Amino acid sequence: MAEDKQNAAYENALRQLNELIVHLRSSGEVSCAVGQGQCAVAEQEDLMLIRLADLKIDLRPNDEKAIADIDRFYRCHLGGK
């Protein structure tokens, strides 16, 4: 029973990571206008996408802290939809 709950939380975290990646890609900066800070924003978004993709690869069902962190990050950025 506990393993089923753990697997459900893991699958939910993977879904949340996918949604976060799609969201960041769709809302990312397209241009890189010098002097307007858009390059810095685009670079930060790129780094976040890399981190999320790495986390998706490295995440394991027993990573309870990481799964909880993903849930908090997801709720913060996507409003818990």
PDB file of N, CA and C in Angstrom:
ATOM      1  N   MET A   1       0.825  -1.190   0.000  1.00  0.00           N
ATOM      2  CA  MET A   1       0.000   0.000   0.000  1.00  0.00           C
ATOM      3  C   MET A   1       0.871   1.256   0.000  1.00  0.00           C
ATOM      4  N   ALA A   2       1.865   1.315   0.866  1.00  0.00           N
ATOM      5  CA  ALA A   2       2.762   2.472   0.922  1.00  0.00           C
ATOM      6  C   ALA A   2       3.528   2.610  -0.384  1.00  0.00           C
ATOM      7  N   GLU A   3       3.885   1.483  -0.982  1.00  0.00           N
ATOM      8  CA  GLU A   3       4.612   1.523  -2.256  1.00  0.00           C
ATOM      9  C   GLU A   3       3.724   2.083  -3.367  1.00  0.00           C
ATOM     10  N   ASP A   4       2.432   1.753  -3.352  1.00  0.00           N
ATOM     11  CA  ASP A   4       1.500   2.309  -4.338  1.00  0.00           C
ATOM     12  C   ASP A   4       1.391   3.823  -4.196  1.00  0.00           C
ATOM     13  N   LYS A   5       1.328   4.301  -2.957  1.00  0.00           N
ATOM     14  CA  LYS A   5       1.253   5.742  -2.703  1.00  0.00           C
ATOM     15  C   LYS A   5       2.541   6.422  -3.169  1.00  0.00           C
ATOM     16  N   GLN A   6       3.664   5.768  -2.894  1.00  0.00           N
ATOM     17  CA  GLN A   6       4.965   6.298  -3.305  1.00  0.00           C
ATOM     18  C   GLN A   6       5.052   6.372  -4.831  1.00  0.00           C
ATOM     19  N   ASN A   7       4.597   5.337  -5.511  1.00  0.00           N
ATOM     20  CA  ASN A   7       4.623   5.322  -6.975  1.00  0.00           C
ATOM     21  C   ASN A   7       3.685   6.373  -7.559  1.00  0.00           C
ATOM     22  N   ALA A   8       2.530   6.570  -6.925  1.00  0.00           N
ATOM     23  CA  ALA A   8       1.582   7.587  -7.387  1.00  0.00           C
ATOM     24  C   ALA A   8       2.198   8.983  -7.249  1.00  0.00           C
ATOM     25  N   ALA A   9       2.871   9.242  -6.135  1.00  0.00           N
ATOM     26  CA  ALA A   9       3.523  10.532  -5.919  1.00  0.00           C
ATOM     27  C   ALA A   9       4.652  10.727  -6.934  1.00  0.00           C
ATOM     28  N   TYR A  10       5.376   9.674  -7.226  1.00  0.00           N
ATOM     29  CA  TYR A  10       6.458   9.719  -8.212  1.00  0.00           C
ATOM     30  C   TYR A  10       5.901  10.035  -9.603  1.00  0.00           C
ATOM     31  N   GLU A  11       4.852   9.328 -10.002  1.00  0.00           N
ATOM     32  CA  GLU A  11       4.233   9.565 -11.314  1.00  0.00           C
ATOM     33  C   GLU A  11       3.679  10.982 -11.406  1.00  0.00           C
ATOM     34  N   ASN A  12       3.098  11.477 -10.317  1.00  0.00           N
ATOM     35  CA  ASN A  12       2.589  12.839 -10.288  1.00  0.00           C
ATOM     36  C   ASN A  12       3.737  13.843 -10.440  1.00  0.00           C
ATOM     37  N   ALA A  13       4.853  13.588  -9.779  1.00  0.00           N
ATOM     38  CA  ALA A  13       6.013  14.476  -9.874  1.00  0.00           C
ATOM     39  C   ALA A  13       6.549  14.507 -11.306  1.00  0.00           C
ATOM     40  N   LEU A  14       6.580  13.376 -11.968  1.00  0.00           N
ATOM     41  CA  LEU A  14       7.029  13.340 -13.363  1.00  0.00           C
ATOM     42  C   LEU A  14       6.074  14.142 -14.253  1.00  0.00           C
ATOM     43  N   ARG A  15       4.779  14.016 -14.008  1.00  0.00           N
ATOM     44  CA  ARG A  15       3.794  14.791 -14.763  1.00  0.00           C
ATOM     45  C   ARG A  15       3.997  16.282 -14.519  1.00  0.00           C
ATOM     46  N   GLN A  16       4.209  16.641 -13.255  1.00  0.00           N
ATOM     47  CA  GLN A  16       4.430  18.045 -12.918  1.00  0.00           C
ATOM     48  C   GLN A  16       5.692  18.577 -13.596  1.00  0.00           C
ATOM     49  N   LEU A  17       6.751  17.804 -13.609  1.00  0.00           N
ATOM     50  CA  LEU A  17       7.976  18.220 -14.284  1.00  0.00           C
ATOM     51  C   LEU A  17       7.727  18.449 -15.766  1.00  0.00           C
ATOM     52  N   ASN A  18       6.989  17.537 -16.395  1.00  0.00           N
ATOM     53  CA  ASN A  18       6.666  17.701 -17.815  1.00  0.00           C
ATOM     54  C   ASN A  18       5.891  18.994 -18.057  1.00  0.00           C
ATOM     55  N   GLU A  19       4.899  19.256 -17.216  1.00  0.00           N
ATOM     56  CA  GLU A  19       4.101  20.473 -17.369  1.00  0.00           C
ATOM     57  C   GLU A  19       4.941  21.727 -17.143  1.00  0.00           C
ATOM     58  N   LEU A  20       5.831  21.681 -16.167  1.00  0.00           N
ATOM     59  CA  LEU A  20       6.714  22.822 -15.921  1.00  0.00           C
ATOM     60  C   LEU A  20       7.626  23.074 -17.117  1.00  0.00           C
ATOM     61  N   ILE A  21       8.169  22.024 -17.685  1.00  0.00           N
ATOM     62  CA  ILE A  21       9.053  22.159 -18.846  1.00  0.00           C
ATOM     63  C   ILE A  21       8.282  22.751 -20.023  1.00  0.00           C
ATOM     64  N   VAL A  22       7.089  22.249 -20.288  1.00  0.00           N
ATOM     65  CA  VAL A  22       6.271  22.786 -21.378  1.00  0.00           C
ATOM     66  C   VAL A  22       5.940  24.250 -21.122  1.00  0.00           C
ATOM     67  N   HIS A  23       5.577  24.568 -19.889  1.00  0.00           N
ATOM     68  CA  HIS A  23       5.237  25.947 -19.532  1.00  0.00           C
ATOM     69  C   HIS A  23       6.424  26.886 -19.743  1.00  0.00           C
ATOM     70  N   LEU A  24       7.586  26.497 -19.262  1.00  0.00           N
ATOM     71  CA  LEU A  24       8.761  27.348 -19.408  1.00  0.00           C
ATOM     72  C   LEU A  24       9.157  27.511 -20.876  1.00  0.00           C
ATOM     73  N   ARG A  25       9.047  26.449 -21.640  1.00  0.00           N
ATOM     74  CA  ARG A  25       9.376  26.544 -23.062  1.00  0.00           C
ATOM     75  C   ARG A  25       8.407  27.476 -23.791  1.00  0.00           C
ATOM     76  N   SER A  26       7.141  27.405 -23.444  1.00  0.00           N
ATOM     77  CA  SER A  26       6.144  28.213 -24.149  1.00  0.00           C
ATOM     78  C   SER A  26       6.160  29.671 -23.717  1.00  0.00           C
ATOM     79  N   SER A  27       6.647  29.952 -22.521  1.00  0.00           N
ATOM     80  CA  SER A  27       6.650  31.330 -22.036  1.00  0.00           C
ATOM     81  C   SER A  27       8.034  31.956 -22.076  1.00  0.00           C
ATOM     82  N   GLY A  28       8.994  31.261 -22.687  1.00  0.00           N
ATOM     83  CA  GLY A  28      10.380  31.735 -22.713  1.00  0.00           C
ATOM     84  C   GLY A  28      10.576  32.947 -23.592  1.00  0.00           C
ATOM     85  N   GLU A  29      11.669  33.616 -23.361  1.00  0.00           N
ATOM     86  CA  GLU A  29      12.040  34.785 -24.153  1.00  0.00           C
ATOM     87  C   GLU A  29      12.463  34.325 -25.545  1.00  0.00           C
ATOM     88  N   VAL A  30      11.886  34.943 -26.558  1.00  0.00           N
ATOM     89  CA  VAL A  30      12.226  34.590 -27.931  1.00  0.00           C
ATOM     90  C   VAL A  30      13.422  35.399 -28.404  1.00  0.00           C
ATOM     91  N   SER A  31      13.428  36.660 -28.040  1.00  0.00           N
ATOM     92  CA  SER A  31      14.511  37.524 -28.501  1.00  0.00           C
ATOM     93  C   SER A  31      15.549  37.703 -27.409  1.00  0.00           C
ATOM     94  N   CYS A  32      16.654  38.260 -27.810  1.00  0.00           N
ATOM     95  CA  CYS A  32      17.734  38.521 -26.871  1.00  0.00           C
ATOM     96  C   CYS A  32      18.202  39.949 -27.106  1.00  0.00           C
ATOM     97  N   ALA A  33      17.372  40.892 -26.709  1.00  0.00           N
ATOM     98  CA  ALA A  33      17.673  42.300 -26.949  1.00  0.00           C
ATOM     99  C   ALA A  33      18.710  42.784 -25.946  1.00  0.00           C
ATOM    100  N   VAL A  34      19.781  43.327 -26.450  1.00  0.00           N
ATOM    101  CA  VAL A  34      20.863  43.821 -25.610  1.00  0.00           C
ATOM    102  C   VAL A  34      20.368  45.012 -24.802  1.00  0.00           C
ATOM    103  N   GLY A  35      20.712  45.043 -23.544  1.00  0.00           N
ATOM    104  CA  GLY A  35      20.384  46.172 -22.692  1.00  0.00           C
ATOM    105  C   GLY A  35      19.024  46.095 -22.043  1.00  0.00           C
ATOM    106  N   GLN A  36      18.226  45.116 -22.376  1.00  0.00           N
ATOM    107  CA  GLN A  36      16.897  45.013 -21.789  1.00  0.00           C
ATOM    108  C   GLN A  36      16.786  43.858 -20.815  1.00  0.00           C
ATOM    109  N   GLY A  37      17.854  43.155 -20.593  1.00  0.00           N
ATOM    110  CA  GLY A  37      17.852  42.074 -19.622  1.00  0.00           C
ATOM    111  C   GLY A  37      17.208  40.792 -20.119  1.00  0.00           C
ATOM    112  N   GLN A  38      16.785  40.769 -21.381  1.00  0.00           N
ATOM    113  CA  GLN A  38      16.115  39.577 -21.885  1.00  0.00           C
ATOM    114  C   GLN A  38      17.075  38.419 -22.055  1.00  0.00           C
ATOM    115  N   CYS A  39      18.324  38.699 -22.356  1.00  0.00           N
ATOM    116  CA  CYS A  39      19.307  37.616 -22.470  1.00  0.00           C
ATOM    117  C   CYS A  39      19.479  36.919 -21.127  1.00  0.00           C
ATOM    118  N   ALA A  40      19.554  37.702 -20.069  1.00  0.00           N
ATOM    119  CA  ALA A  40      19.714  37.121 -18.735  1.00  0.00           C
ATOM    120  C   ALA A  40      18.511  36.272 -18.373  1.00  0.00           C
ATOM    121  N   VAL A  41      17.319  36.747 -18.710  1.00  0.00           N
ATOM    122  CA  VAL A  41      16.103  35.986 -18.418  1.00  0.00           C
ATOM    123  C   VAL A  41      16.097  34.697 -19.225  1.00  0.00           C
ATOM    124  N   ALA A  42      16.429  34.790 -20.502  1.00  0.00           N
ATOM    125  CA  ALA A  42      16.460  33.604 -21.359  1.00  0.00           C
ATOM    126  C   ALA A  42      17.482  32.590 -20.852  1.00  0.00           C
ATOM    127  N   GLU A  43      18.631  33.064 -20.415  1.00  0.00           N
ATOM    128  CA  GLU A  43      19.660  32.168 -19.882  1.00  0.00           C
ATOM    129  C   GLU A  43      19.187  31.494 -18.599  1.00  0.00           C
ATOM    130  N   GLN A  44      18.509  32.236 -17.727  1.00  0.00           N
ATOM    131  CA  GLN A  44      17.984  31.656 -16.490  1.00  0.00           C
ATOM    132  C   GLN A  44      16.935  30.593 -16.804  1.00  0.00           C
ATOM    133  N   GLU A  45      16.069  30.884 -17.788  1.00  0.00           N
ATOM    134  CA  GLU A  45      15.055  29.907 -18.172  1.00  0.00           C
ATOM    135  C   GLU A  45      15.695  28.659 -18.765  1.00  0.00           C
ATOM    136  N   ASP A  46      16.741  28.847 -19.573  1.00  0.00           N
ATOM    137  CA  ASP A  46      17.454  27.697 -20.133  1.00  0.00           C
ATOM    138  C   ASP A  46      18.054  26.831 -19.026  1.00  0.00           C
ATOM    139  N   LEU A  47      18.665  27.474 -18.041  1.00  0.00           N
ATOM    140  CA  LEU A  47      19.244  26.733 -16.915  1.00  0.00           C
ATOM    141  C   LEU A  47      18.170  25.985 -16.132  1.00  0.00           C
ATOM    142  N   MET A  48      17.017  26.637 -15.941  1.00  0.00           N
ATOM    143  CA  MET A  48      15.916  25.986 -15.230  1.00  0.00           C
ATOM    144  C   MET A  48      15.420  24.775 -16.015  1.00  0.00           C
ATOM    145  N   LEU A  49      15.308  24.907 -17.323  1.00  0.00           N
ATOM    146  CA  LEU A  49      14.879  23.778 -18.155  1.00  0.00           C
ATOM    147  C   LEU A  49      15.864  22.617 -18.053  1.00  0.00           C
ATOM    148  N   ILE A  50      17.145  22.929 -18.053  1.00  0.00           N
ATOM    149  CA  ILE A  50      18.169  21.887 -17.911  1.00  0.00           C
ATOM    150  C   ILE A  50      18.048  21.202 -16.558  1.00  0.00           C
ATOM    151  N   ARG A  51      17.878  21.994 -15.501  1.00  0.00           N
ATOM    152  CA  ARG A  51      17.741  21.418 -14.154  1.00  0.00           C
ATOM    153  C   ARG A  51      16.511  20.525 -14.054  1.00  0.00           C
ATOM    154  N   LEU A  52      15.396  20.983 -14.610  1.00  0.00           N
ATOM    155  CA  LEU A  52      14.166  20.190 -14.559  1.00  0.00           C
ATOM    156  C   LEU A  52      14.321  18.895 -15.349  1.00  0.00           C
ATOM    157  N   ALA A  53      14.948  18.974 -16.517  1.00  0.00           N
ATOM    158  CA  ALA A  53      15.167  17.770 -17.324  1.00  0.00           C
ATOM    159  C   ALA A  53      16.090  16.793 -16.603  1.00  0.00           C
ATOM    160  N   ASP A  54      17.137  17.302 -15.974  1.00  0.00           N
ATOM    161  CA  ASP A  54      18.042  16.438 -15.198  1.00  0.00           C
ATOM    162  C   ASP A  54      17.309  15.795 -14.027  1.00  0.00           C
ATOM    163  N   LEU A  55      16.499  16.584 -13.351  1.00  0.00           N
ATOM    164  CA  LEU A  55      15.746  16.063 -12.210  1.00  0.00           C
ATOM    165  C   LEU A  55      14.804  14.953 -12.664  1.00  0.00           C
ATOM    166  N   LYS A  56      14.183  15.150 -13.815  1.00  0.00           N
ATOM    167  CA  LYS A  56      13.271  14.136 -14.358  1.00  0.00           C
ATOM    168  C   LYS A  56      14.001  12.818 -14.599  1.00  0.00           C
ATOM    169  N   ILE A  57      15.239  12.904 -15.067  1.00  0.00           N
ATOM    170  CA  ILE A  57      16.040  11.699 -15.318  1.00  0.00           C
ATOM    171  C   ILE A  57      16.477  11.041 -14.011  1.00  0.00           C
ATOM    172  N   ASP A  58      16.883  11.860 -13.045  1.00  0.00           N
ATOM    173  CA  ASP A  58      17.459  11.344 -11.805  1.00  0.00           C
ATOM    174  C   ASP A  58      16.432  10.957 -10.742  1.00  0.00           C
ATOM    175  N   LEU A  59      15.197  11.441 -10.875  1.00  0.00           N
ATOM    176  CA  LEU A  59      14.185  11.222  -9.847  1.00  0.00           C
ATOM    177  C   LEU A  59      13.857   9.740  -9.683  1.00  0.00           C
ATOM    178  N   ARG A  60      13.710   9.323  -8.447  1.00  0.00           N
ATOM    179  CA  ARG A  60      13.348   7.943  -8.110  1.00  0.00           C
ATOM    180  C   ARG A  60      12.118   7.969  -7.206  1.00  0.00           C
ATOM    181  N   PRO A  61      11.318   6.896  -7.220  1.00  0.00           N
ATOM    182  CA  PRO A  61      10.093   6.871  -6.407  1.00  0.00           C
ATOM    183  C   PRO A  61      10.321   7.107  -4.913  1.00  0.00           C
ATOM    184  N   ASN A  62      11.492   6.786  -4.405  1.00  0.00           N
ATOM    185  CA  ASN A  62      11.751   6.953  -2.968  1.00  0.00           C
ATOM    186  C   ASN A  62      12.360   8.312  -2.625  1.00  0.00           C
ATOM    187  N   ASP A  63      12.469   9.218  -3.588  1.00  0.00           N
ATOM    188  CA  ASP A  63      13.011  10.563  -3.358  1.00  0.00           C
ATOM    189  C   ASP A  63      11.912  11.485  -2.821  1.00  0.00           C
ATOM    190  N   GLU A  64      11.461  11.221  -1.609  1.00  0.00           N
ATOM    191  CA  GLU A  64      10.314  11.934  -1.049  1.00  0.00           C
ATOM    192  C   GLU A  64      10.541  13.445  -0.956  1.00  0.00           C
ATOM    193  N   LYS A  65      11.725  13.860  -0.555  1.00  0.00           N
ATOM    194  CA  LYS A  65      11.999  15.293  -0.427  1.00  0.00           C
ATOM    195  C   LYS A  65      11.950  15.970  -1.797  1.00  0.00           C
ATOM    196  N   ALA A  66      12.579  15.365  -2.787  1.00  0.00           N
ATOM    197  CA  ALA A  66      12.578  15.943  -4.136  1.00  0.00           C
ATOM    198  C   ALA A  66      11.160  15.999  -4.697  1.00  0.00           C
ATOM    199  N   ILE A  67      10.373  14.961  -4.447  1.00  0.00           N
ATOM    200  CA  ILE A  67       8.990  14.933  -4.926  1.00  0.00           C
ATOM    201  C   ILE A  67       8.180  16.047  -4.271  1.00  0.00           C
ATOM    202  N   ALA A  68       8.377  16.267  -2.986  1.00  0.00           N
ATOM    203  CA  ALA A  68       7.686  17.357  -2.284  1.00  0.00           C
ATOM    204  C   ALA A  68       8.157  18.710  -2.807  1.00  0.00           C
ATOM    205  N   ASP A  69       9.444  18.854  -3.072  1.00  0.00           N
ATOM    206  CA  ASP A  69       9.981  20.105  -3.622  1.00  0.00           C
ATOM    207  C   ASP A  69       9.398  20.392  -5.003  1.00  0.00           C
ATOM    208  N   ILE A  70       9.277  19.370  -5.827  1.00  0.00           N
ATOM    209  CA  ILE A  70       8.690  19.529  -7.162  1.00  0.00           C
ATOM    210  C   ILE A  70       7.248  20.011  -7.037  1.00  0.00           C
ATOM    211  N   ASP A  71       6.506  19.413  -6.111  1.00  0.00           N
ATOM    212  CA  ASP A  71       5.110  19.801  -5.909  1.00  0.00           C
ATOM    213  C   ASP A  71       5.003  21.266  -5.491  1.00  0.00           C
ATOM    214  N   ARG A  72       5.858  21.701  -4.577  1.00  0.00           N
ATOM    215  CA  ARG A  72       5.846  23.108  -4.144  1.00  0.00           C
ATOM    216  C   ARG A  72       6.200  24.039  -5.302  1.00  0.00           C
ATOM    217  N   PHE A  73       7.217  23.692  -6.060  1.00  0.00           N
ATOM    218  CA  PHE A  73       7.644  24.504  -7.189  1.00  0.00           C
ATOM    219  C   PHE A  73       6.532  24.580  -8.241  1.00  0.00           C
ATOM    220  N   TYR A  74       5.898  23.450  -8.496  1.00  0.00           N
ATOM    221  CA  TYR A  74       4.796  23.376  -9.461  1.00  0.00           C
ATOM    222  C   TYR A  74       3.645  24.283  -9.021  1.00  0.00           C
ATOM    223  N   ARG A  75       3.260  24.187  -7.751  1.00  0.00           N
ATOM    224  CA  ARG A  75       2.146  24.998  -7.245  1.00  0.00           C
ATOM    225  C   ARG A  75       2.493  26.487  -7.294  1.00  0.00           C
ATOM    226  N   CYS A  76       3.723  26.814  -7.043  1.00  0.00           N
ATOM    227  CA  CYS A  76       4.164  28.206  -7.079  1.00  0.00           C
ATOM    228  C   CYS A  76       4.102  28.772  -8.498  1.00  0.00           C
ATOM    229  N   HIS A  77       4.536  27.985  -9.473  1.00  0.00           N
ATOM    230  CA  HIS A  77       4.645  28.485 -10.844  1.00  0.00           C
ATOM    231  C   HIS A  77       3.412  28.252 -11.704  1.00  0.00           C
ATOM    232  N   LEU A  78       2.653  27.238 -11.385  1.00  0.00           N
ATOM    233  CA  LEU A  78       1.474  26.948 -12.207  1.00  0.00           C
ATOM    234  C   LEU A  78       0.170  27.033 -11.398  1.00  0.00           C
ATOM    235  N   GLY A  79       0.247  27.538 -10.195  1.00  0.00           N
ATOM    236  CA  GLY A  79      -0.950  27.751  -9.397  1.00  0.00           C
ATOM    237  C   GLY A  79      -1.688  26.513  -8.975  1.00  0.00           C
ATOM    238  N   GLY A  80      -1.010  25.387  -8.995  1.00  0.00           N
ATOM    239  CA  GLY A  80      -1.623  24.150  -8.532  1.00  0.00           C
ATOM    240  C   GLY A  80      -2.735  23.636  -9.411  1.00  0.00           C
ATOM    241  N   LYS A  81      -2.694  23.977 -10.699  1.00  0.00           N
ATOM    242  CA  LYS A  81      -3.780  23.544 -11.588  1.00  0.00           C
ATOM    243  C   LYS A  81      -3.823  22.057 -11.777  1.00  0.00           C
TER     244      LYS A  81
END
